[in-house]
Protein backbone atom coordinates (compact mmCIF):
# COMPACT_ATOMS: atom_id res chain seq x y z
CA MET A 1 108.36 47.99 86.85
CA THR A 2 106.00 49.57 89.38
CA LYS A 3 102.95 47.55 90.38
CA PHE A 4 99.87 49.41 91.58
CA PHE A 5 97.93 48.27 94.64
CA LEU A 6 94.64 49.90 95.62
CA LEU A 7 92.74 49.44 98.86
CA THR A 8 89.61 50.99 100.34
CA ARG A 9 89.20 51.54 104.09
CA PRO A 10 85.91 53.15 105.10
CA ASN A 11 85.63 53.87 108.81
CA TYR A 12 82.17 54.99 109.94
CA ASP A 13 80.75 52.27 112.21
CA THR A 14 81.99 49.46 114.44
CA ALA A 15 82.43 46.86 111.71
CA THR A 16 84.26 49.15 109.30
CA SER A 17 86.47 50.49 112.10
CA TYR A 18 87.77 46.95 112.61
CA LEU A 19 88.31 46.34 108.88
CA HIS A 20 90.00 49.74 108.64
CA PHE A 21 92.42 48.62 111.34
CA PHE A 22 92.94 45.15 109.82
CA ALA A 23 93.80 46.56 106.39
CA LYS A 24 96.43 48.92 107.76
CA GLU A 25 98.76 45.92 107.95
CA ALA A 26 98.47 45.46 104.17
CA ILE A 27 99.88 48.95 103.68
CA THR A 28 102.82 48.12 105.94
CA ILE A 29 103.54 44.93 104.01
CA ALA A 30 103.25 46.60 100.60
CA LYS A 31 105.59 49.44 101.55
CA LYS A 32 108.27 46.96 102.60
CA LEU A 33 108.18 45.28 99.20
CA LYS A 34 110.01 46.77 96.25
CA GLY A 35 108.20 48.23 93.29
CA ILE A 36 104.68 48.54 94.73
CA HIS A 37 102.77 51.81 94.67
CA VAL A 38 100.00 51.97 97.28
CA SER A 39 96.79 53.98 96.85
CA ASP A 40 94.85 54.03 100.11
CA ILE A 41 91.30 55.40 99.80
CA GLU A 42 90.35 55.96 103.42
CA GLY A 43 87.46 57.16 105.57
CA ASN A 44 84.95 59.49 103.92
CA ARG A 45 87.01 59.42 100.71
CA VAL A 46 85.74 55.90 99.96
CA THR A 47 83.21 56.97 97.33
CA ARG A 48 82.32 55.70 93.90
CA PRO A 49 83.85 58.71 92.05
CA ASN A 50 87.13 58.38 93.97
CA LEU A 51 87.36 54.65 93.31
CA GLU A 52 86.65 55.12 89.61
CA LYS A 53 89.19 57.95 89.41
CA ILE A 54 91.98 55.76 90.83
CA PHE A 55 91.02 52.86 88.57
CA ALA A 56 91.24 55.11 85.53
CA ARG A 57 94.44 56.91 86.55
CA GLU A 58 96.54 54.04 87.93
CA ASN A 59 94.99 50.82 86.60
CA PRO A 60 95.88 48.87 89.78
CA LYS A 61 96.37 45.15 89.26
CA LEU A 62 95.54 44.22 92.87
CA VAL A 63 92.46 45.69 94.55
CA PHE A 64 91.59 45.14 98.23
CA LEU A 65 88.08 46.30 99.13
CA ASN A 66 87.03 46.55 102.78
CA GLY A 67 83.54 47.36 103.97
CA HIS A 68 79.95 46.27 103.96
CA GLY A 69 78.33 44.75 100.92
CA ASP A 70 75.75 42.38 99.52
CA LYS A 71 75.59 39.80 96.75
CA MET A 72 75.81 42.36 93.96
CA ALA A 73 77.76 45.28 95.43
CA VAL A 74 80.60 46.44 97.64
CA TRP A 75 79.99 49.57 99.68
CA GLY A 76 82.14 52.47 100.78
CA HIS A 77 81.60 55.38 103.17
CA LYS A 78 78.19 55.29 104.86
CA ASP A 79 76.98 52.40 102.68
CA GLU A 80 77.53 54.17 99.35
CA VAL A 81 77.73 51.57 96.59
CA ILE A 82 81.20 51.86 95.05
CA LEU A 83 81.40 48.70 92.92
CA ASP A 84 78.47 46.93 91.29
CA SER A 85 77.20 45.72 87.94
CA LYS A 86 77.39 49.21 86.44
CA ASN A 87 81.14 49.65 86.92
CA ILE A 88 82.51 46.15 87.54
CA SER A 89 84.15 46.29 84.11
CA LEU A 90 86.71 48.59 85.73
CA ALA A 91 88.12 45.48 87.41
CA ASN A 92 89.04 44.00 84.03
CA ASP A 93 92.40 42.14 84.18
CA LYS A 94 92.69 42.69 87.94
CA ILE A 95 92.77 40.57 91.08
CA VAL A 96 90.08 41.70 93.53
CA TYR A 97 89.93 40.68 97.18
CA ALA A 98 86.63 41.87 98.66
CA LEU A 99 86.46 41.68 102.44
CA ALA A 100 82.74 42.39 102.28
CA CYS A 101 79.75 40.19 102.98
CA ASP A 102 78.28 38.03 100.22
CA SER A 103 79.73 39.74 97.14
CA LEU A 104 81.51 36.65 95.81
CA ALA A 105 78.11 34.98 95.37
CA GLY A 106 76.91 37.42 92.72
CA LEU A 107 79.29 40.23 91.88
CA GLY A 108 82.15 37.75 91.74
CA ASP A 109 80.51 35.84 88.90
CA LEU A 110 79.74 39.03 87.01
CA ALA A 111 83.28 40.28 87.52
CA ILE A 112 84.75 37.22 85.82
CA VAL A 113 82.35 37.59 82.87
CA GLN A 114 83.55 41.21 82.57
CA GLY A 115 87.22 40.17 82.47
CA THR A 116 88.43 40.24 86.09
CA GLN A 117 91.32 37.81 86.51
CA ALA A 118 90.30 36.58 89.94
CA TYR A 119 87.70 37.67 92.48
CA ILE A 120 88.33 36.51 96.05
CA GLY A 121 85.76 36.90 98.78
CA TYR A 122 83.01 35.27 100.81
CA GLN A 123 79.93 33.42 99.55
CA GLU A 124 78.07 34.42 102.72
CA ASN A 125 78.51 37.01 105.47
CA PHE A 126 82.03 37.59 106.73
CA MET A 127 81.76 36.95 110.47
CA LEU A 128 83.79 38.79 113.08
CA VAL A 129 83.63 38.53 116.86
CA ALA A 130 84.60 41.66 118.78
CA ASP A 131 84.87 42.50 122.45
CA PRO A 132 82.24 45.19 123.16
CA THR A 133 84.55 46.83 125.68
CA ARG A 134 87.17 47.35 122.94
CA HIS A 135 85.05 48.83 120.14
CA ALA A 136 86.80 52.16 120.49
CA SER A 137 90.24 50.54 120.20
CA PRO A 138 90.24 47.57 117.78
CA SER A 139 94.01 47.22 118.11
CA LYS A 140 93.50 46.12 121.74
CA ASP A 141 90.71 43.63 120.99
CA ASN A 142 91.99 40.08 121.48
CA ASN A 143 88.75 38.58 120.18
CA ALA A 144 89.33 40.27 116.83
CA LEU A 145 93.01 39.35 116.56
CA PRO A 146 92.51 35.96 114.81
CA PHE A 147 90.33 37.61 112.16
CA LYS A 148 93.00 40.24 111.54
CA MET A 149 95.58 37.47 111.20
CA VAL A 150 93.69 35.59 108.49
CA CYS A 151 92.85 38.73 106.52
CA THR A 152 96.49 39.81 106.68
CA LYS A 153 97.63 36.35 105.63
CA LEU A 154 95.51 36.50 102.48
CA ILE A 155 96.37 39.99 101.28
CA GLY A 156 99.98 39.56 102.34
CA SER A 157 100.27 36.39 100.27
CA LEU A 158 98.85 38.13 97.22
CA LEU A 159 101.20 41.08 97.64
CA LYS A 160 104.19 38.75 97.88
CA GLY A 161 103.33 37.01 94.62
CA SER A 162 101.25 33.97 95.56
CA THR A 163 98.63 32.97 93.03
CA ALA A 164 94.99 33.52 93.96
CA GLN A 165 94.49 29.84 94.78
CA GLU A 166 97.75 29.62 96.73
CA ALA A 167 96.73 32.65 98.80
CA ILE A 168 93.41 31.03 99.63
CA ASN A 169 95.09 27.74 100.55
CA ILE A 170 97.58 29.54 102.80
CA THR A 171 94.76 31.45 104.46
CA LYS A 172 92.63 28.36 105.01
CA ARG A 173 95.56 26.66 106.70
CA GLU A 174 95.84 29.71 108.95
CA TYR A 175 92.13 29.47 109.77
CA ILE A 176 92.55 25.80 110.72
CA ARG A 177 95.64 26.53 112.82
CA LEU A 178 93.84 29.26 114.74
CA ILE A 179 90.74 27.14 115.32
CA LYS A 180 92.87 24.31 116.67
CA THR A 181 94.93 26.67 118.83
CA LEU A 182 91.83 28.23 120.34
CA GLY A 183 90.41 24.79 121.02
CA THR A 184 93.37 23.69 123.11
CA SER A 185 94.35 26.90 124.88
CA GLU A 186 93.07 28.85 127.80
CA ASP A 187 90.65 31.70 127.14
CA VAL A 188 93.33 33.93 125.60
CA TYR A 189 91.03 35.84 123.26
CA GLY A 190 87.92 36.09 125.39
CA ASP A 191 84.83 34.49 123.87
CA VAL A 192 86.60 31.40 122.58
CA PHE A 193 83.53 29.42 121.56
CA LEU A 194 82.08 32.29 119.51
CA VAL A 195 85.44 33.12 117.94
CA ARG A 196 85.98 29.50 116.90
CA MET A 197 82.49 29.30 115.39
CA ALA A 198 82.99 32.51 113.43
CA LEU A 199 86.40 31.39 112.17
CA ALA A 200 84.92 28.06 111.06
CA TRP A 201 82.13 29.91 109.24
CA ASP A 202 84.57 32.20 107.42
CA LEU A 203 86.77 29.22 106.54
CA GLU A 204 83.77 27.48 104.97
CA TYR A 205 82.73 30.42 102.82
CA LEU A 206 86.07 31.88 101.70
CA ASP A 207 86.49 31.15 98.00
CA MET A 208 87.34 32.63 94.62
CA LYS A 209 86.08 32.90 91.05
CA GLY A 210 88.22 33.14 87.96
CA ASN A 211 91.78 32.09 87.21
CA PRO A 212 93.38 30.25 90.16
CA ASP A 213 96.81 31.07 88.71
CA ALA A 214 96.22 34.84 88.65
CA CYS A 215 99.18 36.52 90.30
CA PHE A 216 100.08 40.10 91.25
CA ALA A 217 103.72 39.44 90.39
CA ALA A 218 102.89 38.40 86.84
């Protein structure tokens, strides 16, 4: 049976260019696994109508949203609100991982009330440290590499069948490993102190709402 995986990847400013790059790894992982259909809404196509169209047509069971956001919304291209209280019911019976600031704190609660299986995200801002000299080429930014690793660990775990809570636990262990590694190594990534602080912040505020046993494989 084919499982449907949807992700959004806006790419219009520095922050979204990094998330756009990070999320590319999720596509690679999904395509290596059997029975997963990937719908990648990318760049200026990340709009509310396009998201709603894919939800209606494919009914994806795993949704990975990348971009800016606030407590009650996730945004797409050029800060267009793509998911909020008016259409969160579309996420009914789905697992949502929102790599967007704050949305777990408000939209996550509403999502569960509306029938979302699990909503994974951050209670506060998602912090990312980047090397200003590498903004044009995120793939070459060593400061950003640890953040890519933890994001990939979480979505990769979900794609491979871990439950929502297992995926968070795996990812938190990866956060801790990276923080410890950075604390005992030479300045491999650049601004080690800032990177460690940001990783510790993200570790603190990564969480979920809903069913901890929700699973993409189920």
